[in-house]
C-alpha atoms as a PDB file:
ATOM      1  CA  MET A   1     101.746 200.507-179.934  1.00  0.00           C
ATOM      2  CA  ALA A   2     105.001 200.832-177.996  1.00  0.00           C
ATOM      3  CA  THR A   3     104.980 200.609-174.230  1.00  0.00           C
ATOM      4  CA  VAL A   4     107.735 202.570-172.541  1.00  0.00           C
ATOM      5  CA  SER A   5     108.328 202.650-168.819  1.00  0.00           C
ATOM      6  CA  ASP A   6     111.093 203.859-166.536  1.00  0.00           C
ATOM      7  CA  ALA A   7     110.097 201.172-164.046  1.00  0.00           C
ATOM      8  CA  LYS A   8     112.006 197.903-163.961  1.00  0.00           C
ATOM      9  CA  PRO A   9     109.942 194.952-165.192  1.00  0.00           C
ATOM     10  CA  TRP A  10     108.348 192.945-162.367  1.00  0.00           C
ATOM     11  CA  PHE A  11     110.216 189.828-163.407  1.00  0.00           C
ATOM     12  CA  ALA A  12     113.627 191.483-162.785  1.00  0.00           C
ATOM     13  CA  HIS A  13     112.697 191.598-159.059  1.00  0.00           C
ATOM     14  CA  GLY A  14     114.282 195.023-158.565  1.00  0.00           C
ATOM     15  CA  LEU A  15     117.605 194.167-160.240  1.00  0.00           C
ATOM     16  CA  ASP A  16     119.106 196.147-163.105  1.00  0.00           C
ATOM     17  CA  SER A  17     118.130 194.600-166.418  1.00  0.00           C
ATOM     18  CA  PRO A  18     118.521 195.498-170.093  1.00  0.00           C
ATOM     19  CA  GLU A  19     116.362 198.404-171.201  1.00  0.00           C
ATOM     20  CA  PHE A  20     113.639 197.578-173.678  1.00  0.00           C
ATOM     21  CA  THR A  21     110.476 198.958-175.183  1.00  0.00           C
ATOM     22  CA  GLN A  22     107.633 196.554-175.773  1.00  0.00           C
ATOM     23  CA  LEU A  23     106.504 197.204-179.332  1.00  0.00           C
ATOM     24  CA  GLU A  24     103.732 194.674-179.668  1.00  0.00           C
ATOM     25  CA  GLU A  25     101.899 191.870-177.915  1.00  0.00           C
ATOM     26  CA  LYS A  26     100.998 189.019-180.237  1.00  0.00           C
ATOM     27  CA  ASP A  27      99.141 185.758-179.661  1.00  0.00           C
ATOM     28  CA  GLY A  28     101.792 183.736-177.784  1.00  0.00           C
ATOM     29  CA  TYR A  29     104.745 186.146-177.761  1.00  0.00           C
ATOM     30  CA  VAL A  30     105.798 189.788-177.448  1.00  0.00           C
ATOM     31  CA  VAL A  31     107.991 191.988-179.631  1.00  0.00           C
ATOM     32  CA  ARG A  32     110.594 194.093-177.808  1.00  0.00           C
ATOM     33  CA  LYS A  33     113.205 196.590-178.938  1.00  0.00           C
ATOM     34  CA  TYR A  34     116.295 196.342-176.736  1.00  0.00           C
ATOM     35  CA  SER A  35     118.681 199.261-176.310  1.00  0.00           C
ATOM     36  CA  PRO A  36     122.395 198.633-176.893  1.00  0.00           C
ATOM     37  CA  SER A  37     123.780 196.872-173.823  1.00  0.00           C
ATOM     38  CA  LYS A  38     127.037 195.777-172.235  1.00  0.00           C
ATOM     39  CA  TRP A  39     127.557 192.311-170.759  1.00  0.00           C
ATOM     40  CA  VAL A  40     130.269 190.144-169.259  1.00  0.00           C
ATOM     41  CA  GLY A  41     130.326 186.611-170.609  1.00  0.00           C
ATOM     42  CA  ILE A  42     132.114 183.331-171.178  1.00  0.00           C
ATOM     43  CA  THR A  43     131.586 180.687-173.879  1.00  0.00           C
ATOM     44  CA  PHE A  44     131.452 176.921-173.448  1.00  0.00           C
ATOM     45  CA  SER A  45     130.970 174.256-176.112  1.00  0.00           C
ATOM     46  CA  GLU A  46     128.525 171.778-174.592  1.00  0.00           C
ATOM     47  CA  HIS A  47     125.692 169.416-175.455  1.00  0.00           C
ATOM     48  CA  SER A  48     123.657 170.713-172.541  1.00  0.00           C
ATOM     49  CA  TRP A  49     122.315 174.203-171.838  1.00  0.00           C
ATOM     50  CA  ARG A  50     122.250 173.341-168.123  1.00  0.00           C
ATOM     51  CA  ASP A  51     125.926 172.278-168.025  1.00  0.00           C
ATOM     52  CA  ALA A  52     127.045 175.385-169.915  1.00  0.00           C
ATOM     53  CA  THR A  53     125.012 177.824-167.818  1.00  0.00           C
ATOM     54  CA  SER A  54     126.109 176.210-164.552  1.00  0.00           C
ATOM     55  CA  ALA A  55     129.777 176.473-165.509  1.00  0.00           C
ATOM     56  CA  GLY A  56     129.351 179.986-166.886  1.00  0.00           C
ATOM     57  CA  PHE A  57     127.456 181.187-163.839  1.00  0.00           C
ATOM     58  CA  ARG A  58     130.341 180.181-161.553  1.00  0.00           C
ATOM     59  CA  TYR A  59     132.854 182.238-163.572  1.00  0.00           C
ATOM     60  CA  LEU A  60     130.546 185.246-163.805  1.00  0.00           C
ATOM     61  CA  PHE A  61     129.630 185.102-160.120  1.00  0.00           C
ATOM     62  CA  ARG A  62     133.340 185.250-159.307  1.00  0.00           C
ATOM     63  CA  TYR A  63     133.634 188.274-161.617  1.00  0.00           C
ATOM     64  CA  ILE A  64     130.856 190.201-159.824  1.00  0.00           C
ATOM     65  CA  SER A  65     132.283 189.111-156.452  1.00  0.00           C
ATOM     66  CA  GLY A  66     135.518 190.960-157.220  1.00  0.00           C
ATOM     67  CA  THR A  67     137.590 188.579-159.360  1.00  0.00           C
ATOM     68  CA  ASN A  68     138.229 191.300-161.921  1.00  0.00           C
ATOM     69  CA  GLN A  69     141.132 193.629-162.659  1.00  0.00           C
ATOM     70  CA  THR A  70     139.987 196.258-160.122  1.00  0.00           C
ATOM     71  CA  SER A  71     138.876 193.743-157.448  1.00  0.00           C
ATOM     72  CA  GLN A  72     135.579 195.604-157.454  1.00  0.00           C
ATOM     73  CA  LYS A  73     132.262 194.033-156.478  1.00  0.00           C
ATOM     74  CA  VAL A  74     129.568 194.490-159.108  1.00  0.00           C
ATOM     75  CA  PRO A  75     125.846 194.156-158.295  1.00  0.00           C
ATOM     76  CA  MET A  76     123.954 191.154-159.676  1.00  0.00           C
ATOM     77  CA  THR A  77     121.658 191.896-162.602  1.00  0.00           C
ATOM     78  CA  ALA A  78     118.896 190.008-164.379  1.00  0.00           C
ATOM     79  CA  PRO A  79     118.544 188.022-166.498  1.00  0.00           C
ATOM     80  CA  VAL A  80     121.284 185.454-166.799  1.00  0.00           C
ATOM     81  CA  LEU A  81     121.301 185.445-170.580  1.00  0.00           C
ATOM     82  CA  THR A  82     122.686 182.584-172.659  1.00  0.00           C
ATOM     83  CA  LYS A  83     123.344 182.910-176.374  1.00  0.00           C
ATOM     84  CA  VAL A  84     122.916 179.442-177.858  1.00  0.00           C
ATOM     85  CA  GLU A  85     124.566 179.010-181.233  1.00  0.00           C
ATOM     86  CA  ARG A  86     123.003 176.102-183.044  1.00  0.00           C
ATOM     87  CA  SER A  87     125.295 173.076-183.430  1.00  0.00           C
ATOM     88  CA  GLN A  88     127.513 173.126-186.503  1.00  0.00           C
ATOM     89  CA  ASN A  89     129.546 169.988-185.819  1.00  0.00           C
ATOM     90  CA  ALA A  90     129.079 166.240-185.997  1.00  0.00           C
ATOM     91  CA  GLU A  91     129.323 165.786-182.221  1.00  0.00           C
ATOM     92  CA  GLY A  92     126.263 167.972-181.645  1.00  0.00           C
ATOM     93  CA  TYR A  93     127.968 170.492-179.369  1.00  0.00           C
ATOM     94  CA  SER A  94     126.638 174.037-179.348  1.00  0.00           C
ATOM     95  CA  ASN A  95     128.439 177.163-178.236  1.00  0.00           C
ATOM     96  CA  HIS A  96     126.716 178.627-175.186  1.00  0.00           C
ATOM     97  CA  THR A  97     127.797 182.139-174.190  1.00  0.00           C
ATOM     98  CA  VAL A  98     126.599 182.819-170.652  1.00  0.00           C
ATOM     99  CA  LEU A  99     126.164 186.540-169.932  1.00  0.00           C
ATOM    100  CA  PHE A 100     125.522 188.912-167.000  1.00  0.00           C
ATOM    101  CA  SER A 101     124.487 192.444-167.976  1.00  0.00           C
ATOM    102  CA  VAL A 102     126.660 195.269-166.697  1.00  0.00           C
ATOM    103  CA  PRO A 103     124.725 197.478-164.240  1.00  0.00           C
ATOM    104  CA  ARG A 104     124.045 201.019-165.461  1.00  0.00           C
ATOM    105  CA  GLU A 105     126.406 202.490-162.850  1.00  0.00           C
ATOM    106  CA  PHE A 106     129.315 200.478-164.348  1.00  0.00           C
ATOM    107  CA  ILE A 107     128.657 201.052-168.076  1.00  0.00           C
ATOM    108  CA  GLU A 108     131.289 203.800-168.443  1.00  0.00           C
ATOM    109  CA  ASN A 109     133.912 202.133-166.231  1.00  0.00           C
ATOM    110  CA  THR A 110     133.316 198.406-166.502  1.00  0.00           C
ATOM    111  CA  PRO A 111     135.882 196.417-164.495  1.00  0.00           C
ATOM    112  CA  LEU A 112     137.812 194.256-166.943  1.00  0.00           C
ATOM    113  CA  PRO A 113     137.702 190.511-166.318  1.00  0.00           C
ATOM    114  CA  SER A 114     140.824 188.864-164.918  1.00  0.00           C
ATOM    115  CA  GLU A 115     139.984 185.191-165.576  1.00  0.00           C
ATOM    116  CA  PRO A 116     140.831 183.604-168.938  1.00  0.00           C
ATOM    117  CA  GLY A 117     137.836 183.327-171.250  1.00  0.00           C
ATOM    118  CA  VAL A 118     135.698 185.940-169.466  1.00  0.00           C
ATOM    119  CA  LYS A 119     135.098 188.923-171.769  1.00  0.00           C
ATOM    120  CA  VAL A 120     133.187 192.175-171.951  1.00  0.00           C
ATOM    121  CA  VAL A 121     130.608 191.871-174.742  1.00  0.00           C
ATOM    122  CA  GLU A 122     128.501 194.588-176.350  1.00  0.00           C
ATOM    123  CA  ILE A 123     125.135 193.686-177.839  1.00  0.00           C
ATOM    124  CA  PRO A 124     123.827 196.263-180.310  1.00  0.00           C
ATOM    125  CA  GLU A 125     120.251 197.503-180.387  1.00  0.00           C
ATOM    126  CA  MET A 126     117.975 194.692-181.491  1.00  0.00           C
ATOM    127  CA  THR A 127     114.358 193.782-181.939  1.00  0.00           C
ATOM    128  CA  ALA A 128     113.508 190.448-180.347  1.00  0.00           C
ATOM    129  CA  TYR A 129     110.555 188.090-180.458  1.00  0.00           C
ATOM    130  CA  VAL A 130     110.117 186.856-176.902  1.00  0.00           C
ATOM    131  CA  VAL A 131     108.176 183.923-175.475  1.00  0.00           C
ATOM    132  CA  GLU A 132     107.798 183.842-171.691  1.00  0.00           C
ATOM    133  CA  PHE A 133     107.246 180.878-169.378  1.00  0.00           C
ATOM    134  CA  GLY A 134     107.415 179.981-165.710  1.00  0.00           C
ATOM    135  CA  GLY A 135     108.906 177.175-163.690  1.00  0.00           C
ATOM    136  CA  PHE A 136     112.451 175.942-163.315  1.00  0.00           C
ATOM    137  CA  PRO A 137     114.278 176.091-166.655  1.00  0.00           C
ATOM    138  CA  SER A 138     115.814 172.996-168.229  1.00  0.00           C
ATOM    139  CA  ASP A 139     117.151 171.815-171.565  1.00  0.00           C
ATOM    140  CA  ARG A 140     113.744 170.272-172.218  1.00  0.00           C
ATOM    141  CA  SER A 141     111.702 173.386-171.331  1.00  0.00           C
ATOM    142  CA  PHE A 142     113.898 175.616-173.466  1.00  0.00           C
ATOM    143  CA  ALA A 143     113.726 173.193-176.413  1.00  0.00           C
ATOM    144  CA  LYS A 144     109.932 173.183-176.097  1.00  0.00           C
ATOM    145  CA  HIS A 145     109.708 176.989-176.085  1.00  0.00           C
ATOM    146  CA  VAL A 146     112.253 177.407-178.885  1.00  0.00           C
ATOM    147  CA  GLY A 147     110.023 175.149-180.997  1.00  0.00           C
ATOM    148  CA  ARG A 148     106.895 176.991-179.882  1.00  0.00           C
ATOM    149  CA  LEU A 149     108.335 180.414-180.750  1.00  0.00           C
ATOM    150  CA  SER A 150     109.563 179.135-184.101  1.00  0.00           C
ATOM    151  CA  ASP A 151     106.059 177.847-184.917  1.00  0.00           C
ATOM    152  CA  LEU A 152     104.420 181.128-183.850  1.00  0.00           C
ATOM    153  CA  LEU A 153     106.791 183.188-185.992  1.00  0.00           C
ATOM    154  CA  LEU A 154     106.246 180.898-188.971  1.00  0.00           C
ATOM    155  CA  ARG A 155     102.484 181.373-188.497  1.00  0.00           C
ATOM    156  CA  ASP A 156     102.926 185.172-188.466  1.00  0.00           C
ATOM    157  CA  LYS A 157     105.458 185.188-191.329  1.00  0.00           C
ATOM    158  CA  LYS A 158     108.127 186.843-189.159  1.00  0.00           C
ATOM    159  CA  THR A 159     111.794 186.423-190.016  1.00  0.00           C
ATOM    160  CA  TYR A 160     114.580 185.997-187.490  1.00  0.00           C
ATOM    161  CA  VAL A 161     118.249 185.071-187.199  1.00  0.00           C
ATOM    162  CA  ALA A 162     118.292 181.275-187.367  1.00  0.00           C
ATOM    163  CA  ASP A 163     121.927 180.695-186.316  1.00  0.00           C
ATOM    164  CA  TYR A 164     121.354 181.416-182.631  1.00  0.00           C
ATOM    165  CA  TYR A 165     118.809 182.348-179.979  1.00  0.00           C
ATOM    166  CA  TYR A 166     118.943 183.604-176.403  1.00  0.00           C
ATOM    167  CA  THR A 167     117.612 182.102-173.201  1.00  0.00           C
ATOM    168  CA  ALA A 168     116.887 184.444-170.302  1.00  0.00           C
ATOM    169  CA  CYS A 169     116.501 183.331-166.680  1.00  0.00           C
ATOM    170  CA  TYR A 170     115.454 185.985-164.177  1.00  0.00           C
ATOM    171  CA  ASP A 171     115.318 184.056-160.934  1.00  0.00           C
ATOM    172  CA  SER A 172     117.609 182.741-158.247  1.00  0.00           C
ATOM    173  CA  PRO A 173     117.350 178.980-157.712  1.00  0.00           C
ATOM    174  CA  PHE A 174     115.929 179.845-154.273  1.00  0.00           C
ATOM    175  CA  ARG A 175     112.796 181.486-155.759  1.00  0.00           C
ATOM    176  CA  LEU A 176     110.192 178.741-155.805  1.00  0.00           C
ATOM    177  CA  PHE A 177     107.143 180.589-157.162  1.00  0.00           C
ATOM    178  CA  ASN A 178     106.410 183.221-159.820  1.00  0.00           C
ATOM    179  CA  ARG A 179     109.501 182.275-161.798  1.00  0.00           C
ATOM    180  CA  HIS A 180     110.128 183.930-165.160  1.00  0.00           C
ATOM    181  CA  ASN A 181     112.117 182.604-168.130  1.00  0.00           C
ATOM    182  CA  GLU A 182     112.242 183.660-171.757  1.00  0.00           C
ATOM    183  CA  VAL A 183     113.450 182.641-175.206  1.00  0.00           C
ATOM    184  CA  TRP A 184     114.500 185.472-177.552  1.00  0.00           C
ATOM    185  CA  PHE A 185     114.817 185.249-181.336  1.00  0.00           C
ATOM    186  CA  VAL A 186     116.443 188.286-182.957  1.00  0.00           C
ATOM    187  CA  SER A 187     114.382 189.824-185.752  1.00  0.00           C
ATOM    188  CA  THR A 188     115.964 190.290-189.189  1.00  0.00           C
ATOM    189  CA  THR A 189     113.704 193.239-190.020  1.00  0.00           C
END
């Protein structure tokens, strides 16, 4: 049964976040259908999720602070989403695209980025399998939950895009309690 709500999810802490409908709650994960969404992002080829997201966050924070073609400030949104493309090279680097969602009020007139490498990205409607966890995120915690979600989906005979996954972090580093992080696998059905 789908759950639809106009309210922002608690874990977005009042910030704009991508619209979704929760389709199902399974043992260990949820199934969500995300509406098409617009993001601003930058890609880094790194070994480490933490290194890539730290570097990407700095660029994207400058973008929302007015380093864009209209010098316009853009409100912060949640989550900081990172698309992790699984390593395809001998050195073990993965492409990490760090993304901030565009607030609803800027969807029609999104300020174009002015820094090299920062791009506007559109993500089409998708169904995602989502595992949620608390605490401060790290390469280790994401690896653990990627493995956990993979095992749960194998158990339930669910198919998903294997080339990449998303990590979602909803909290400022200054929030010490009730932190919320997610791993998303995109469904192939």
